[in-house]
Amino acid sequence: MEYLFGFIFFLLQGMQIFLVLGTLMPLILPADNMLRIGIARIVDPVLRPFRKVIKPVAGFDFTPVVVYLLLMGVESLIRRFLLPLAIR
């Protein structure tokens, strides 16, 4: 069971890293860069449902911040409530 939780935490933290990279890459790399396109292919399907609900404010997209905080919250809830039950 510990391996399952370890894998889930690995996926959640990996997605957090991709969200940060997906937010910063457009500032650094040109639009046709393969790394930027690859990260966008990973991040955009996760952000798309939230972008339908959260509209940009003054040209700034808050969706990655909201999803990042949501992922942190899910990880915290798992660590706080489910992980102690699995270790017993």
PDB file of N, CA and C in Angstrom:
ATOM      1  N   MET A   1       0.816  -1.183   0.000  1.00  0.00           N
ATOM      2  CA  MET A   1       0.000   0.000   0.000  1.00  0.00           C
ATOM      3  C   MET A   1       0.872   1.264   0.000  1.00  0.00           C
ATOM      4  N   GLU A   2       2.022   1.169   0.659  1.00  0.00           N
ATOM      5  CA  GLU A   2       2.926   2.318   0.694  1.00  0.00           C
ATOM      6  C   GLU A   2       3.441   2.646  -0.707  1.00  0.00           C
ATOM      7  N   TYR A   3       3.645   1.629  -1.525  1.00  0.00           N
ATOM      8  CA  TYR A   3       4.112   1.865  -2.892  1.00  0.00           C
ATOM      9  C   TYR A   3       3.057   2.598  -3.717  1.00  0.00           C
ATOM     10  N   LEU A   4       1.801   2.260  -3.482  1.00  0.00           N
ATOM     11  CA  LEU A   4       0.718   2.937  -4.191  1.00  0.00           C
ATOM     12  C   LEU A   4       0.682   4.420  -3.830  1.00  0.00           C
ATOM     13  N   PHE A   5       0.770   4.721  -2.537  1.00  0.00           N
ATOM     14  CA  PHE A   5       0.781   6.117  -2.122  1.00  0.00           C
ATOM     15  C   PHE A   5       2.030   6.833  -2.618  1.00  0.00           C
ATOM     16  N   GLY A   6       3.149   6.155  -2.612  1.00  0.00           N
ATOM     17  CA  GLY A   6       4.372   6.745  -3.159  1.00  0.00           C
ATOM     18  C   GLY A   6       4.217   7.085  -4.631  1.00  0.00           C
ATOM     19  N   PHE A   7       3.579   6.204  -5.388  1.00  0.00           N
ATOM     20  CA  PHE A   7       3.347   6.454  -6.809  1.00  0.00           C
ATOM     21  C   PHE A   7       2.382   7.619  -7.014  1.00  0.00           C
ATOM     22  N   ILE A   8       1.331   7.683  -6.209  1.00  0.00           N
ATOM     23  CA  ILE A   8       0.375   8.784  -6.305  1.00  0.00           C
ATOM     24  C   ILE A   8       1.052  10.111  -5.994  1.00  0.00           C
ATOM     25  N   PHE A   9       1.873  10.141  -4.947  1.00  0.00           N
ATOM     26  CA  PHE A   9       2.596  11.374  -4.605  1.00  0.00           C
ATOM     27  C   PHE A   9       3.578  11.754  -5.711  1.00  0.00           C
ATOM     28  N   PHE A  10       4.201  10.758  -6.308  1.00  0.00           N
ATOM     29  CA  PHE A  10       5.119  11.008  -7.426  1.00  0.00           C
ATOM     30  C   PHE A  10       4.379  11.667  -8.592  1.00  0.00           C
ATOM     31  N   LEU A  11       3.193  11.156  -8.918  1.00  0.00           N
ATOM     32  CA  LEU A  11       2.400  11.734 -10.007  1.00  0.00           C
ATOM     33  C   LEU A  11       1.943  13.155  -9.682  1.00  0.00           C
ATOM     34  N   LEU A  12       1.491  13.378  -8.458  1.00  0.00           N
ATOM     35  CA  LEU A  12       1.032  14.707  -8.070  1.00  0.00           C
ATOM     36  C   LEU A  12       2.172  15.722  -8.100  1.00  0.00           C
ATOM     37  N   GLN A  13       3.332  15.347  -7.592  1.00  0.00           N
ATOM     38  CA  GLN A  13       4.470  16.260  -7.594  1.00  0.00           C
ATOM     39  C   GLN A  13       5.003  16.477  -8.997  1.00  0.00           C
ATOM     40  N   GLY A  14       4.963  15.441  -9.820  1.00  0.00           N
ATOM     41  CA  GLY A  14       5.375  15.595 -11.213  1.00  0.00           C
ATOM     42  C   GLY A  14       4.465  16.556 -11.955  1.00  0.00           C
ATOM     43  N   MET A  15       3.172  16.464 -11.703  1.00  0.00           N
ATOM     44  CA  MET A  15       2.241  17.380 -12.352  1.00  0.00           C
ATOM     45  C   MET A  15       2.457  18.806 -11.872  1.00  0.00           C
ATOM     46  N   GLN A  16       2.789  18.975 -10.611  1.00  0.00           N
ATOM     47  CA  GLN A  16       3.096  20.309 -10.091  1.00  0.00           C
ATOM     48  C   GLN A  16       4.318  20.897 -10.798  1.00  0.00           C
ATOM     49  N   ILE A  17       5.327  20.080 -11.015  1.00  0.00           N
ATOM     50  CA  ILE A  17       6.529  20.542 -11.713  1.00  0.00           C
ATOM     51  C   ILE A  17       6.196  20.912 -13.151  1.00  0.00           C
ATOM     52  N   PHE A  18       5.397  20.080 -13.818  1.00  0.00           N
ATOM     53  CA  PHE A  18       5.015  20.393 -15.197  1.00  0.00           C
ATOM     54  C   PHE A  18       4.171  21.665 -15.276  1.00  0.00           C
ATOM     55  N   LEU A  19       3.343  21.913 -14.272  1.00  0.00           N
ATOM     56  CA  LEU A  19       2.560  23.148 -14.255  1.00  0.00           C
ATOM     57  C   LEU A  19       3.468  24.371 -14.159  1.00  0.00           C
ATOM     58  N   VAL A  20       4.462  24.291 -13.295  1.00  0.00           N
ATOM     59  CA  VAL A  20       5.400  25.413 -13.161  1.00  0.00           C
ATOM     60  C   VAL A  20       6.173  25.602 -14.459  1.00  0.00           C
ATOM     61  N   LEU A  21       6.668  24.513 -15.023  1.00  0.00           N
ATOM     62  CA  LEU A  21       7.402  24.610 -16.292  1.00  0.00           C
ATOM     63  C   LEU A  21       6.503  25.120 -17.415  1.00  0.00           C
ATOM     64  N   GLY A  22       5.272  24.639 -17.458  1.00  0.00           N
ATOM     65  CA  GLY A  22       4.338  25.073 -18.489  1.00  0.00           C
ATOM     66  C   GLY A  22       3.972  26.536 -18.365  1.00  0.00           C
ATOM     67  N   THR A  23       4.067  27.069 -17.170  1.00  0.00           N
ATOM     68  CA  THR A  23       3.794  28.486 -16.961  1.00  0.00           C
ATOM     69  C   THR A  23       5.000  29.351 -17.318  1.00  0.00           C
ATOM     70  N   LEU A  24       6.202  28.852 -17.037  1.00  0.00           N
ATOM     71  CA  LEU A  24       7.409  29.645 -17.272  1.00  0.00           C
ATOM     72  C   LEU A  24       7.981  29.500 -18.679  1.00  0.00           C
ATOM     73  N   MET A  25       7.761  28.372 -19.319  1.00  0.00           N
ATOM     74  CA  MET A  25       8.335  28.139 -20.649  1.00  0.00           C
ATOM     75  C   MET A  25       7.921  29.165 -21.703  1.00  0.00           C
ATOM     76  N   PRO A  26       6.661  29.591 -21.741  1.00  0.00           N
ATOM     77  CA  PRO A  26       6.304  30.600 -22.755  1.00  0.00           C
ATOM     78  C   PRO A  26       7.059  31.917 -22.590  1.00  0.00           C
ATOM     79  N   LEU A  27       7.559  32.183 -21.401  1.00  0.00           N
ATOM     80  CA  LEU A  27       8.321  33.409 -21.179  1.00  0.00           C
ATOM     81  C   LEU A  27       9.751  33.294 -21.700  1.00  0.00           C
ATOM     82  N   ILE A  28      10.254  32.065 -21.797  1.00  0.00           N
ATOM     83  CA  ILE A  28      11.663  31.842 -22.121  1.00  0.00           C
ATOM     84  C   ILE A  28      11.863  31.327 -23.539  1.00  0.00           C
ATOM     85  N   LEU A  29      11.075  30.335 -23.930  1.00  0.00           N
ATOM     86  CA  LEU A  29      11.292  29.644 -25.197  1.00  0.00           C
ATOM     87  C   LEU A  29      10.335  30.130 -26.281  1.00  0.00           C
ATOM     88  N   PRO A  30      10.757  30.051 -27.537  1.00  0.00           N
ATOM     89  CA  PRO A  30       9.843  30.417 -28.630  1.00  0.00           C
ATOM     90  C   PRO A  30       8.720  29.386 -28.773  1.00  0.00           C
ATOM     91  N   ALA A  31       7.671  29.775 -29.476  1.00  0.00           N
ATOM     92  CA  ALA A  31       6.464  28.943 -29.589  1.00  0.00           C
ATOM     93  C   ALA A  31       6.714  27.627 -30.317  1.00  0.00           C
ATOM     94  N   ASP A  32       7.704  27.556 -31.185  1.00  0.00           N
ATOM     95  CA  ASP A  32       7.935  26.333 -31.947  1.00  0.00           C
ATOM     96  C   ASP A  32       8.955  25.392 -31.297  1.00  0.00           C
ATOM     97  N   ASN A  33       9.357  25.662 -30.069  1.00  0.00           N
ATOM     98  CA  ASN A  33      10.311  24.811 -29.360  1.00  0.00           C
ATOM     99  C   ASN A  33       9.653  23.496 -28.972  1.00  0.00           C
ATOM    100  N   MET A  34      10.322  22.378 -29.213  1.00  0.00           N
ATOM    101  CA  MET A  34       9.752  21.049 -28.969  1.00  0.00           C
ATOM    102  C   MET A  34       9.511  20.789 -27.480  1.00  0.00           C
ATOM    103  N   LEU A  35      10.387  21.268 -26.613  1.00  0.00           N
ATOM    104  CA  LEU A  35      10.203  21.084 -25.173  1.00  0.00           C
ATOM    105  C   LEU A  35       8.942  21.807 -24.702  1.00  0.00           C
ATOM    106  N   ARG A  36       8.767  23.021 -25.176  1.00  0.00           N
ATOM    107  CA  ARG A  36       7.576  23.793 -24.811  1.00  0.00           C
ATOM    108  C   ARG A  36       6.303  23.121 -25.326  1.00  0.00           C
ATOM    109  N   ILE A  37       6.339  22.607 -26.530  1.00  0.00           N
ATOM    110  CA  ILE A  37       5.173  21.927 -27.103  1.00  0.00           C
ATOM    111  C   ILE A  37       4.865  20.651 -26.318  1.00  0.00           C
ATOM    112  N   GLY A  38       5.905  19.892 -25.946  1.00  0.00           N
ATOM    113  CA  GLY A  38       5.709  18.658 -25.194  1.00  0.00           C
ATOM    114  C   GLY A  38       5.101  18.893 -23.828  1.00  0.00           C
ATOM    115  N   ILE A  39       5.588  19.914 -23.124  1.00  0.00           N
ATOM    116  CA  ILE A  39       5.038  20.229 -21.807  1.00  0.00           C
ATOM    117  C   ILE A  39       3.603  20.733 -21.945  1.00  0.00           C
ATOM    118  N   ALA A  40       3.333  21.504 -22.983  1.00  0.00           N
ATOM    119  CA  ALA A  40       1.968  21.999 -23.213  1.00  0.00           C
ATOM    120  C   ALA A  40       1.009  20.833 -23.474  1.00  0.00           C
ATOM    121  N   ARG A  41       1.469  19.805 -24.156  1.00  0.00           N
ATOM    122  CA  ARG A  41       0.619  18.627 -24.409  1.00  0.00           C
ATOM    123  C   ARG A  41       0.289  17.877 -23.131  1.00  0.00           C
ATOM    124  N   ILE A  42       1.162  17.965 -22.151  1.00  0.00           N
ATOM    125  CA  ILE A  42       0.910  17.305 -20.866  1.00  0.00           C
ATOM    126  C   ILE A  42      -0.003  18.163 -19.994  1.00  0.00           C
ATOM    127  N   VAL A  43       0.241  19.459 -19.966  1.00  0.00           N
ATOM    128  CA  VAL A  43      -0.435  20.355 -19.031  1.00  0.00           C
ATOM    129  C   VAL A  43      -1.801  20.817 -19.534  1.00  0.00           C
ATOM    130  N   ASP A  44      -1.932  21.088 -20.814  1.00  0.00           N
ATOM    131  CA  ASP A  44      -3.175  21.668 -21.339  1.00  0.00           C
ATOM    132  C   ASP A  44      -4.420  20.819 -21.096  1.00  0.00           C
ATOM    133  N   PRO A  45      -4.382  19.489 -21.241  1.00  0.00           N
ATOM    134  CA  PRO A  45      -5.599  18.720 -20.942  1.00  0.00           C
ATOM    135  C   PRO A  45      -6.047  18.829 -19.488  1.00  0.00           C
ATOM    136  N   VAL A  46      -5.121  19.068 -18.590  1.00  0.00           N
ATOM    137  CA  VAL A  46      -5.482  19.238 -17.179  1.00  0.00           C
ATOM    138  C   VAL A  46      -6.072  20.629 -16.952  1.00  0.00           C
ATOM    139  N   LEU A  47      -5.523  21.625 -17.616  1.00  0.00           N
ATOM    140  CA  LEU A  47      -5.966  23.005 -17.412  1.00  0.00           C
ATOM    141  C   LEU A  47      -7.258  23.332 -18.157  1.00  0.00           C
ATOM    142  N   ARG A  48      -7.526  22.655 -19.254  1.00  0.00           N
ATOM    143  CA  ARG A  48      -8.657  22.992 -20.120  1.00  0.00           C
ATOM    144  C   ARG A  48     -10.003  23.040 -19.383  1.00  0.00           C
ATOM    145  N   PRO A  49     -10.368  22.044 -18.560  1.00  0.00           N
ATOM    146  CA  PRO A  49     -11.663  22.138 -17.870  1.00  0.00           C
ATOM    147  C   PRO A  49     -11.743  23.335 -16.909  1.00  0.00           C
ATOM    148  N   PHE A  50     -10.625  23.669 -16.290  1.00  0.00           N
ATOM    149  CA  PHE A  50     -10.611  24.786 -15.357  1.00  0.00           C
ATOM    150  C   PHE A  50     -10.668  26.121 -16.101  1.00  0.00           C
ATOM    151  N   ARG A  51     -10.101  26.171 -17.305  1.00  0.00           N
ATOM    152  CA  ARG A  51     -10.140  27.403 -18.097  1.00  0.00           C
ATOM    153  C   ARG A  51     -11.547  27.737 -18.557  1.00  0.00           C
ATOM    154  N   LYS A  52     -12.408  26.724 -18.657  1.00  0.00           N
ATOM    155  CA  LYS A  52     -13.799  26.981 -19.015  1.00  0.00           C
ATOM    156  C   LYS A  52     -14.523  27.720 -17.894  1.00  0.00           C
ATOM    157  N   VAL A  53     -14.102  27.479 -16.654  1.00  0.00           N
ATOM    158  CA  VAL A  53     -14.748  28.078 -15.493  1.00  0.00           C
ATOM    159  C   VAL A  53     -14.053  29.380 -15.077  1.00  0.00           C
ATOM    160  N   ILE A  54     -12.725  29.384 -15.094  1.00  0.00           N
ATOM    161  CA  ILE A  54     -11.947  30.532 -14.633  1.00  0.00           C
ATOM    162  C   ILE A  54     -11.479  31.315 -15.849  1.00  0.00           C
ATOM    163  N   LYS A  55     -12.024  32.480 -16.022  1.00  0.00           N
ATOM    164  CA  LYS A  55     -11.658  33.331 -17.162  1.00  0.00           C
ATOM    165  C   LYS A  55     -10.437  34.183 -16.804  1.00  0.00           C
ATOM    166  N   PRO A  56      -9.614  34.556 -17.792  1.00  0.00           N
ATOM    167  CA  PRO A  56      -8.460  35.427 -17.523  1.00  0.00           C
ATOM    168  C   PRO A  56      -8.895  36.792 -16.983  1.00  0.00           C
ATOM    169  N   VAL A  57      -8.108  37.314 -16.060  1.00  0.00           N
ATOM    170  CA  VAL A  57      -8.358  38.620 -15.471  1.00  0.00           C
ATOM    171  C   VAL A  57      -7.261  39.564 -15.936  1.00  0.00           C
ATOM    172  N   ALA A  58      -7.641  40.603 -16.645  1.00  0.00           N
ATOM    173  CA  ALA A  58      -6.705  41.598 -17.173  1.00  0.00           C
ATOM    174  C   ALA A  58      -5.604  40.932 -18.002  1.00  0.00           C
ATOM    175  N   GLY A  59      -5.970  39.889 -18.749  1.00  0.00           N
ATOM    176  CA  GLY A  59      -5.016  39.211 -19.614  1.00  0.00           C
ATOM    177  C   GLY A  59      -4.139  38.194 -18.906  1.00  0.00           C
ATOM    178  N   PHE A  60      -4.344  37.976 -17.615  1.00  0.00           N
ATOM    179  CA  PHE A  60      -3.537  37.016 -16.863  1.00  0.00           C
ATOM    180  C   PHE A  60      -4.383  35.793 -16.559  1.00  0.00           C
ATOM    181  N   ASP A  61      -3.841  34.619 -16.868  1.00  0.00           N
ATOM    182  CA  ASP A  61      -4.535  33.351 -16.650  1.00  0.00           C
ATOM    183  C   ASP A  61      -4.146  32.787 -15.283  1.00  0.00           C
ATOM    184  N   PHE A  62      -5.100  32.760 -14.373  1.00  0.00           N
ATOM    185  CA  PHE A  62      -4.856  32.245 -13.030  1.00  0.00           C
ATOM    186  C   PHE A  62      -5.057  30.734 -12.921  1.00  0.00           C
ATOM    187  N   THR A  63      -5.426  30.091 -14.008  1.00  0.00           N
ATOM    188  CA  THR A  63      -5.739  28.668 -13.977  1.00  0.00           C
ATOM    189  C   THR A  63      -4.578  27.807 -13.472  1.00  0.00           C
ATOM    190  N   PRO A  64      -3.316  28.005 -13.930  1.00  0.00           N
ATOM    191  CA  PRO A  64      -2.236  27.170 -13.390  1.00  0.00           C
ATOM    192  C   PRO A  64      -2.050  27.323 -11.883  1.00  0.00           C
ATOM    193  N   VAL A  65      -2.260  28.514 -11.374  1.00  0.00           N
ATOM    194  CA  VAL A  65      -2.130  28.731  -9.927  1.00  0.00           C
ATOM    195  C   VAL A  65      -3.212  27.968  -9.175  1.00  0.00           C
ATOM    196  N   VAL A  66      -4.436  28.035  -9.680  1.00  0.00           N
ATOM    197  CA  VAL A  66      -5.555  27.335  -9.037  1.00  0.00           C
ATOM    198  C   VAL A  66      -5.338  25.826  -9.067  1.00  0.00           C
ATOM    199  N   VAL A  67      -4.915  25.305 -10.203  1.00  0.00           N
ATOM    200  CA  VAL A  67      -4.685  23.858 -10.322  1.00  0.00           C
ATOM    201  C   VAL A  67      -3.511  23.434  -9.436  1.00  0.00           C
ATOM    202  N   TYR A  68      -2.461  24.246  -9.368  1.00  0.00           N
ATOM    203  CA  TYR A  68      -1.317  23.947  -8.507  1.00  0.00           C
ATOM    204  C   TYR A  68      -1.760  23.862  -7.042  1.00  0.00           C
ATOM    205  N   LEU A  69      -2.538  24.852  -6.600  1.00  0.00           N
ATOM    206  CA  LEU A  69      -3.029  24.839  -5.226  1.00  0.00           C
ATOM    207  C   LEU A  69      -3.968  23.658  -4.976  1.00  0.00           C
ATOM    208  N   LEU A  70      -4.767  23.309  -5.960  1.00  0.00           N
ATOM    209  CA  LEU A  70      -5.658  22.157  -5.844  1.00  0.00           C
ATOM    210  C   LEU A  70      -4.852  20.857  -5.704  1.00  0.00           C
ATOM    211  N   LEU A  71      -3.806  20.710  -6.501  1.00  0.00           N
ATOM    212  CA  LEU A  71      -2.951  19.519  -6.396  1.00  0.00           C
ATOM    213  C   LEU A  71      -2.269  19.453  -5.037  1.00  0.00           C
ATOM    214  N   MET A  72      -1.814  20.592  -4.540  1.00  0.00           N
ATOM    215  CA  MET A  72      -1.198  20.618  -3.206  1.00  0.00           C
ATOM    216  C   MET A  72      -2.212  20.237  -2.135  1.00  0.00           C
ATOM    217  N   GLY A  73      -3.439  20.713  -2.293  1.00  0.00           N
ATOM    218  CA  GLY A  73      -4.483  20.378  -1.332  1.00  0.00           C
ATOM    219  C   GLY A  73      -4.831  18.903  -1.348  1.00  0.00           C
ATOM    220  N   VAL A  74      -4.922  18.320  -2.534  1.00  0.00           N
ATOM    221  CA  VAL A  74      -5.218  16.878  -2.648  1.00  0.00           C
ATOM    222  C   VAL A  74      -4.087  16.069  -2.007  1.00  0.00           C
ATOM    223  N   GLU A  75      -2.860  16.454  -2.290  1.00  0.00           N
ATOM    224  CA  GLU A  75      -1.721  15.742  -1.694  1.00  0.00           C
ATOM    225  C   GLU A  75      -1.751  15.855  -0.170  1.00  0.00           C
ATOM    226  N   SER A  76      -2.049  17.036   0.337  1.00  0.00           N
ATOM    227  CA  SER A  76      -2.114  17.242   1.780  1.00  0.00           C
ATOM    228  C   SER A  76      -3.228  16.411   2.416  1.00  0.00           C
ATOM    229  N   LEU A  77      -4.386  16.368   1.762  1.00  0.00           N
ATOM    230  CA  LEU A  77      -5.492  15.565   2.292  1.00  0.00           C
ATOM    231  C   LEU A  77      -5.157  14.076   2.310  1.00  0.00           C
ATOM    232  N   ILE A  78      -4.495  13.603   1.272  1.00  0.00           N
ATOM    233  CA  ILE A  78      -4.101  12.190   1.236  1.00  0.00           C
ATOM    234  C   ILE A  78      -3.110  11.895   2.346  1.00  0.00           C
ATOM    235  N   ARG A  79      -2.134  12.773   2.506  1.00  0.00           N
ATOM    236  CA  ARG A  79      -1.132  12.555   3.564  1.00  0.00           C
ATOM    237  C   ARG A  79      -1.753  12.611   4.955  1.00  0.00           C
ATOM    238  N   ARG A  80      -2.736  13.476   5.129  1.00  0.00           N
ATOM    239  CA  ARG A  80      -3.306  13.675   6.446  1.00  0.00           C
ATOM    240  C   ARG A  80      -4.321  12.599   6.829  1.00  0.00           C
ATOM    241  N   PHE A  81      -5.158  12.180   5.874  1.00  0.00           N
ATOM    242  CA  PHE A  81      -6.264  11.288   6.231  1.00  0.00           C
ATOM    243  C   PHE A  81      -6.104   9.845   5.741  1.00  0.00           C
ATOM    244  N   LEU A  82      -5.629   9.651   4.516  1.00  0.00           N
ATOM    245  CA  LEU A  82      -5.564   8.291   3.965  1.00  0.00           C
ATOM    246  C   LEU A  82      -4.276   7.553   4.332  1.00  0.00           C
ATOM    247  N   LEU A  83      -3.170   8.251   4.326  1.00  0.00           N
ATOM    248  CA  LEU A  83      -1.890   7.600   4.598  1.00  0.00           C
ATOM    249  C   LEU A  83      -1.835   7.007   6.001  1.00  0.00           C
ATOM    250  N   PRO A  84      -2.305   7.705   7.042  1.00  0.00           N
ATOM    251  CA  PRO A  84      -2.296   7.060   8.371  1.00  0.00           C
ATOM    252  C   PRO A  84      -3.173   5.802   8.438  1.00  0.00           C
ATOM    253  N   LEU A  85      -4.252   5.760   7.691  1.00  0.00           N
ATOM    254  CA  LEU A  85      -5.097   4.570   7.672  1.00  0.00           C
ATOM    255  C   LEU A  85      -4.399   3.388   7.009  1.00  0.00           C
ATOM    256  N   ALA A  86      -3.585   3.665   5.991  1.00  0.00           N
ATOM    257  CA  ALA A  86      -2.905   2.597   5.260  1.00  0.00           C
ATOM    258  C   ALA A  86      -1.720   2.043   6.032  1.00  0.00           C
ATOM    259  N   ILE A  87      -1.130   2.842   6.897  1.00  0.00           N
ATOM    260  CA  ILE A  87       0.081   2.394   7.603  1.00  0.00           C
ATOM    261  C   ILE A  87      -0.277   1.503   8.786  1.00  0.00           C
ATOM    262  N   ARG A  88      -1.455   1.631   9.316  1.00  0.00           N
ATOM    263  CA  ARG A  88      -1.859   0.831  10.493  1.00  0.00           C
ATOM    264  C   ARG A  88      -1.661  -0.619  10.304  1.00  0.00           C
TER     265      ARG A  88
END
